[in-house]
Amino acid sequence: MMPEPRFASRFEILHRLGGGASGEVHLARDHELGREVALKRIPLRQHADSMLDEERNGAILQQMLGKISPQVPQVFAFDDEGEFFWIAMEHVPGIDLEVALGYGPFPESRAIGIAIQLCDFLLKLHDFTAEVGGRKVLGVVHGDLKPLNIRLEDGDAVKVLDFGIARQLSLSRNFTRSFFGTLPYTPPEQLQTGKASKASDLWAVGVILYQMVSGRLPVQEGSLEEVKHQILEGNLLQLLPDACSNGLRWIINTSLQKLPEWRHPSASVLKEHLVKLRDGRLTATREERLSHHR
């Protein structure tokens, strides 16, 4: 079915971008702002009030984050109109990292540059504090960081998409599930407890780094249970290419340690190691002083 050409008087619907359980997203011309936007529309009658409150608070949260992190798409406006709650967001052109990886492994310098931007994003996210919807937010976890949710603009500028899980993790006091996210990007402790944490996001960066330089995931293909078992037991593949530098090899191996306390302790520390490697300051002597715990 073709969308109606106008919505809420200010929007001209151009074409569908995607959608999910909560609502549809269209590319639209916002005549009030004079620009194209990604317009998300959520049917009011099809969702419980609690879910709609979550979407409203999530829009406020993303709007705040978009002002402090260049990796977060901006939220321009949101409101109720007729049968819908709508959110007008920054339309991010470019290519998904998942699609870019389909063309093969990245040069090490490119992978490092993208990972540094992901660390910058997590620094802002993990340290974010504000009051949203009457609740104090003390840090936000994305919870579902993966190549499909990462958009590369010109020059490999990174935008992180899909804050669905992040909204729930920051706005709900007791948010747990037996499993969510995408399995290979989920660390052992999250599989065991169902709880995402800052360490979960950092594990995902490690998997993405591995994938960017090797062209594959650090797990063998298999059923969900088989992949889950590999992660829980720490039986990850060691198939980084021979051309991978010792410094990046150490960074990735440390990122994917079975126990959180053996990994990089924060996005700040992980970024520091990546920047030193990029600038030629992560020396073999320092690597040797740091235990691999393997």
Protein backbone atom coordinates (compact mmCIF):
# COMPACT_ATOMS: atom_id res chain seq x y z
CA MET A 1 0.00 0.00 0.00
CA MET A 2 1.36 3.41 -0.97
CA PRO A 3 1.62 5.88 1.93
CA GLU A 4 -0.47 9.02 1.85
CA PRO A 5 1.45 11.92 0.28
CA ARG A 6 0.94 14.24 3.29
CA PHE A 7 0.97 13.70 7.04
CA ALA A 8 0.39 16.06 9.95
CA SER A 9 0.22 18.95 7.46
CA ARG A 10 4.00 19.52 7.68
CA PHE A 11 5.29 16.22 6.22
CA GLU A 12 5.34 15.00 2.63
CA ILE A 13 5.87 11.23 2.65
CA LEU A 14 8.42 10.16 0.01
CA HIS A 15 9.05 6.43 0.52
CA ARG A 16 9.35 3.73 3.17
CA LEU A 17 12.73 3.22 4.84
CA GLY A 18 11.82 0.32 7.13
CA GLY A 19 9.84 -0.63 10.17
CA GLY A 20 9.27 -3.08 12.95
CA ALA A 21 6.93 -4.05 15.74
CA SER A 22 6.45 -0.51 17.01
CA GLY A 23 5.90 1.38 13.76
CA GLU A 24 6.94 2.33 10.25
CA VAL A 25 9.74 4.69 9.22
CA HIS A 26 9.47 6.76 6.04
CA LEU A 27 11.67 9.27 4.32
CA ALA A 28 9.66 12.49 4.40
CA ARG A 29 10.03 16.12 3.49
CA ASP A 30 9.51 18.29 6.56
CA HIS A 31 8.17 21.58 5.18
CA GLU A 32 8.47 23.26 8.57
CA LEU A 33 12.19 22.50 8.83
CA GLY A 34 12.80 22.61 5.08
CA ARG A 35 14.68 19.32 5.00
CA GLU A 36 14.27 15.57 4.53
CA VAL A 37 13.80 13.55 7.72
CA ALA A 38 13.32 9.96 8.82
CA LEU A 39 9.72 9.98 10.07
CA LYS A 40 8.71 7.24 12.48
CA ARG A 41 4.99 6.78 13.02
CA ILE A 42 3.58 4.63 15.82
CA PRO A 43 -0.17 3.79 15.77
CA LEU A 44 -1.68 4.92 19.08
CA ARG A 45 -4.46 2.32 19.16
CA GLN A 46 -2.16 -0.66 18.59
CA HIS A 47 0.09 -0.13 21.60
CA ALA A 48 -0.32 0.05 25.36
CA ASP A 49 0.07 3.38 27.11
CA SER A 50 3.25 2.14 28.80
CA MET A 51 4.86 1.38 25.44
CA LEU A 52 3.88 4.78 24.07
CA ASP A 53 5.32 6.47 27.16
CA GLU A 54 8.53 4.55 26.53
CA GLU A 55 8.64 5.80 22.93
CA ARG A 56 8.06 9.39 24.06
CA ASN A 57 10.73 9.18 26.74
CA GLY A 58 13.02 7.44 24.26
CA ALA A 59 12.59 10.31 21.82
CA ILE A 60 13.54 12.76 24.59
CA LEU A 61 16.56 10.61 25.49
CA GLN A 62 17.79 10.38 21.89
CA GLN A 63 17.21 14.11 21.41
CA MET A 64 19.46 14.80 24.40
CA LEU A 65 22.13 12.34 23.25
CA GLY A 66 22.07 13.73 19.72
CA LYS A 67 23.16 17.11 21.08
CA ILE A 68 26.30 15.74 22.71
CA SER A 69 27.32 12.84 20.44
CA PRO A 70 27.88 13.22 16.68
CA GLN A 71 27.34 9.47 16.35
CA VAL A 72 23.66 9.74 17.44
CA PRO A 73 21.07 10.76 14.81
CA GLN A 74 19.33 13.94 15.91
CA VAL A 75 15.66 14.02 16.88
CA PHE A 76 14.12 17.23 15.53
CA ALA A 77 10.54 16.98 16.78
CA PHE A 78 7.88 14.56 18.06
CA ASP A 79 4.16 14.81 18.79
CA ASP A 80 0.78 13.08 18.66
CA GLU A 81 -1.23 13.65 15.50
CA GLY A 82 -4.54 11.91 14.82
CA GLU A 83 -3.98 8.15 15.12
CA PHE A 84 -0.18 8.33 15.45
CA PHE A 85 2.67 9.33 17.69
CA TRP A 86 5.42 10.53 15.35
CA ILE A 87 9.14 11.26 15.64
CA ALA A 88 11.04 13.29 13.03
CA MET A 89 14.71 12.28 13.07
CA GLU A 90 17.85 12.99 11.11
CA HIS A 91 17.92 10.95 7.90
CA VAL A 92 21.34 9.32 7.71
CA PRO A 93 22.51 8.49 4.18
CA GLY A 94 25.34 6.08 3.57
CA ILE A 95 25.88 2.34 3.86
CA ASP A 96 25.33 -0.02 6.78
CA LEU A 97 28.56 -1.50 8.15
CA GLU A 98 27.04 -4.93 7.58
CA VAL A 99 26.76 -4.21 3.85
CA ALA A 100 30.27 -2.74 3.70
CA LEU A 101 31.68 -5.89 5.33
CA GLY A 102 30.13 -7.93 2.52
CA TYR A 103 32.86 -6.58 0.25
CA GLY A 104 35.61 -8.13 2.36
CA PRO A 105 37.91 -7.27 5.30
CA PHE A 106 38.95 -3.69 5.96
CA PRO A 107 42.50 -2.33 6.07
CA GLU A 108 43.63 -2.10 9.68
CA SER A 109 43.68 1.71 9.64
CA ARG A 110 40.07 1.87 8.50
CA ALA A 111 38.92 -0.60 11.16
CA ILE A 112 40.75 1.35 13.88
CA GLY A 113 39.18 4.63 12.76
CA ILE A 114 35.65 3.20 12.93
CA ALA A 115 36.30 1.55 16.31
CA ILE A 116 37.59 4.83 17.77
CA GLN A 117 34.33 6.52 16.78
CA LEU A 118 32.35 3.71 18.41
CA CYS A 119 34.34 4.28 21.59
CA ASP A 120 33.59 8.02 21.41
CA PHE A 121 29.89 7.15 21.12
CA LEU A 122 30.02 4.77 24.10
CA LEU A 123 31.90 7.31 26.20
CA LYS A 124 29.03 9.79 25.82
CA LEU A 125 26.39 7.07 26.24
CA HIS A 126 27.83 5.39 29.33
CA ASP A 127 28.50 8.68 31.12
CA PHE A 128 25.15 10.29 30.27
CA THR A 129 23.08 11.58 33.19
CA ALA A 130 19.73 13.38 32.99
CA GLU A 131 16.14 13.23 34.13
CA VAL A 132 13.77 11.75 31.55
CA GLY A 133 10.09 11.15 32.14
CA GLY A 134 10.48 11.84 35.85
CA ARG A 135 13.28 9.26 36.22
CA LYS A 136 16.95 9.84 36.84
CA VAL A 137 19.08 8.30 34.07
CA LEU A 138 22.56 7.38 35.24
CA GLY A 139 24.34 6.04 32.21
CA VAL A 140 22.87 4.42 29.10
CA VAL A 141 23.76 1.04 27.59
CA HIS A 142 23.04 0.52 23.89
CA GLY A 143 22.65 -3.24 24.30
CA ASP A 144 22.44 -4.18 20.63
CA LEU A 145 25.56 -2.81 18.95
CA LYS A 146 26.21 -4.66 15.67
CA PRO A 147 27.11 -3.86 12.03
CA LEU A 148 23.44 -3.70 11.01
CA ASN A 149 22.94 -0.81 13.48
CA ILE A 150 26.00 1.15 12.34
CA ARG A 151 25.75 3.50 9.35
CA LEU A 152 28.86 4.77 7.54
CA GLU A 153 28.52 8.17 5.92
CA ASP A 154 31.06 9.78 3.59
CA GLY A 155 34.58 9.46 4.96
CA ASP A 156 33.46 6.62 7.26
CA ALA A 157 31.74 9.01 9.68
CA VAL A 158 29.81 6.73 12.04
CA LYS A 159 26.16 6.99 13.06
CA VAL A 160 24.71 4.44 15.47
CA LEU A 161 21.09 3.51 14.80
CA ASP A 162 18.33 1.68 16.67
CA PHE A 163 18.05 2.81 20.27
CA GLY A 164 15.15 0.47 21.02
CA ILE A 165 16.95 -1.61 23.64
CA ALA A 166 18.92 1.39 24.91
CA ARG A 167 15.69 3.20 25.71
CA GLN A 168 14.40 0.31 27.75
CA LEU A 169 17.69 -0.24 29.55
CA SER A 170 17.91 3.38 30.62
CA LEU A 171 14.26 4.05 31.41
CA SER A 172 13.28 0.80 33.14
CA ARG A 173 14.60 0.03 36.60
CA ASN A 174 14.40 -3.75 36.24
CA PHE A 175 14.90 -4.60 32.59
CA THR A 176 16.07 -8.16 32.03
CA ARG A 177 15.48 -10.77 29.36
CA SER A 178 16.76 -14.29 28.98
CA PHE A 179 18.22 -13.17 25.64
CA PHE A 180 18.19 -10.16 23.39
CA GLY A 181 20.54 -8.58 20.91
CA THR A 182 22.32 -10.59 18.26
CA LEU A 183 24.09 -13.66 19.59
CA PRO A 184 27.71 -13.29 18.34
CA TYR A 185 27.83 -9.73 19.72
CA THR A 186 26.60 -10.82 23.17
CA PRO A 187 29.20 -11.58 25.89
CA PRO A 188 29.11 -14.64 28.18
CA GLU A 189 27.89 -12.83 31.28
CA GLN A 190 24.95 -11.33 29.38
CA LEU A 191 23.97 -14.76 28.07
CA GLN A 192 24.06 -16.08 31.63
CA THR A 193 22.11 -13.28 33.33
CA GLY A 194 20.09 -11.62 30.54
CA LYS A 195 21.42 -8.26 31.73
CA ALA A 196 23.30 -5.89 29.46
CA SER A 197 25.99 -3.59 30.84
CA LYS A 198 28.71 -1.23 29.71
CA ALA A 199 30.93 -4.30 29.36
CA SER A 200 28.39 -5.76 26.90
CA ASP A 201 28.80 -2.77 24.59
CA LEU A 202 32.60 -3.05 24.79
CA TRP A 203 32.47 -6.77 23.94
CA ALA A 204 30.42 -5.88 20.86
CA VAL A 205 33.10 -3.41 19.75
CA GLY A 206 35.67 -6.21 20.07
CA VAL A 207 33.59 -8.56 17.90
CA ILE A 208 33.07 -5.81 15.32
CA LEU A 209 36.82 -5.10 15.26
CA TYR A 210 37.55 -8.80 14.75
CA GLN A 211 34.98 -8.90 11.95
CA MET A 212 36.32 -5.78 10.23
CA VAL A 213 39.91 -7.04 9.99
CA SER A 214 39.22 -10.74 9.41
CA GLY A 215 36.04 -10.65 7.33
CA ARG A 216 34.29 -13.14 9.62
CA LEU A 217 32.89 -13.54 13.12
CA PRO A 218 35.00 -15.06 15.93
CA VAL A 219 32.59 -18.00 16.27
CA GLN A 220 32.05 -21.08 14.16
CA GLU A 221 28.76 -21.33 12.30
CA GLY A 222 26.18 -23.53 13.97
CA SER A 223 22.86 -23.57 15.73
CA LEU A 224 22.01 -20.87 18.26
CA GLU A 225 22.81 -23.29 21.08
CA GLU A 226 26.17 -24.24 19.54
CA VAL A 227 27.17 -20.59 19.09
CA LYS A 228 25.99 -19.78 22.60
CA HIS A 229 28.11 -22.65 23.97
CA GLN A 230 31.23 -21.34 22.19
CA ILE A 231 30.77 -17.91 23.75
CA LEU A 232 30.01 -19.21 27.23
CA GLU A 233 33.08 -21.49 27.18
CA GLY A 234 35.36 -18.85 25.67
CA ASN A 235 36.03 -21.04 22.64
CA LEU A 236 36.40 -18.22 20.14
CA LEU A 237 38.26 -18.55 16.86
CA GLN A 238 41.80 -17.21 16.56
CA LEU A 239 41.73 -16.48 12.83
CA LEU A 240 43.02 -12.93 12.59
CA PRO A 241 45.03 -12.43 9.38
CA ASP A 242 48.82 -12.63 9.47
CA ALA A 243 48.95 -8.97 8.44
CA CYS A 244 47.13 -7.95 11.63
CA SER A 245 49.58 -6.03 13.82
CA ASN A 246 50.55 -7.34 17.25
CA GLY A 247 48.99 -4.28 18.82
CA LEU A 248 45.58 -4.76 17.23
CA ARG A 249 45.76 -8.49 17.89
CA TRP A 250 46.28 -7.74 21.61
CA ILE A 251 43.45 -5.17 21.66
CA ILE A 252 40.99 -7.62 20.08
CA ASN A 253 42.06 -10.58 22.23
CA THR A 254 41.70 -8.47 25.37
CA SER A 255 38.27 -7.25 24.23
CA LEU A 256 37.02 -10.83 23.88
CA GLN A 257 38.20 -12.33 27.14
CA LYS A 258 35.66 -14.61 28.83
CA LEU A 259 35.62 -12.66 32.12
CA PRO A 260 34.73 -8.93 32.09
CA GLU A 261 37.52 -8.08 34.55
CA TRP A 262 40.09 -9.35 32.04
CA ARG A 263 38.87 -7.01 29.29
CA HIS A 264 39.41 -3.30 28.70
CA PRO A 265 37.70 -1.70 31.71
CA SER A 266 36.00 1.18 29.88
CA ALA A 267 35.36 2.80 26.51
CA SER A 268 37.93 5.42 27.50
CA VAL A 269 40.68 2.84 28.01
CA LEU A 270 39.81 0.96 24.82
CA LYS A 271 39.88 4.23 22.86
CA GLU A 272 43.24 5.12 24.43
CA HIS A 273 44.77 1.84 23.21
CA LEU A 274 43.31 2.30 19.71
CA VAL A 275 44.58 5.87 19.42
CA LYS A 276 48.06 4.83 20.59
CA LEU A 277 48.06 2.03 18.03
CA ARG A 278 46.91 4.39 15.28
CA ASP A 279 49.66 6.85 16.20
CA GLY A 280 52.37 4.19 16.52
CA ARG A 281 52.66 4.57 20.30
CA LEU A 282 51.38 1.14 21.42
CA THR A 283 54.74 -0.57 21.76
CA ALA A 284 55.59 -4.26 21.94
CA THR A 285 57.14 -3.66 25.36
CA ARG A 286 53.83 -2.39 26.72
CA GLU A 287 51.94 -5.29 25.14
CA GLU A 288 54.27 -7.76 26.83
CA ARG A 289 53.65 -6.13 30.23
CA LEU A 290 49.90 -6.62 29.90
CA SER A 291 48.68 -10.15 30.54
CA HIS A 292 46.51 -11.80 27.88
CA HIS A 293 44.90 -14.07 30.52
CA ARG A 294 44.89 -16.95 28.05
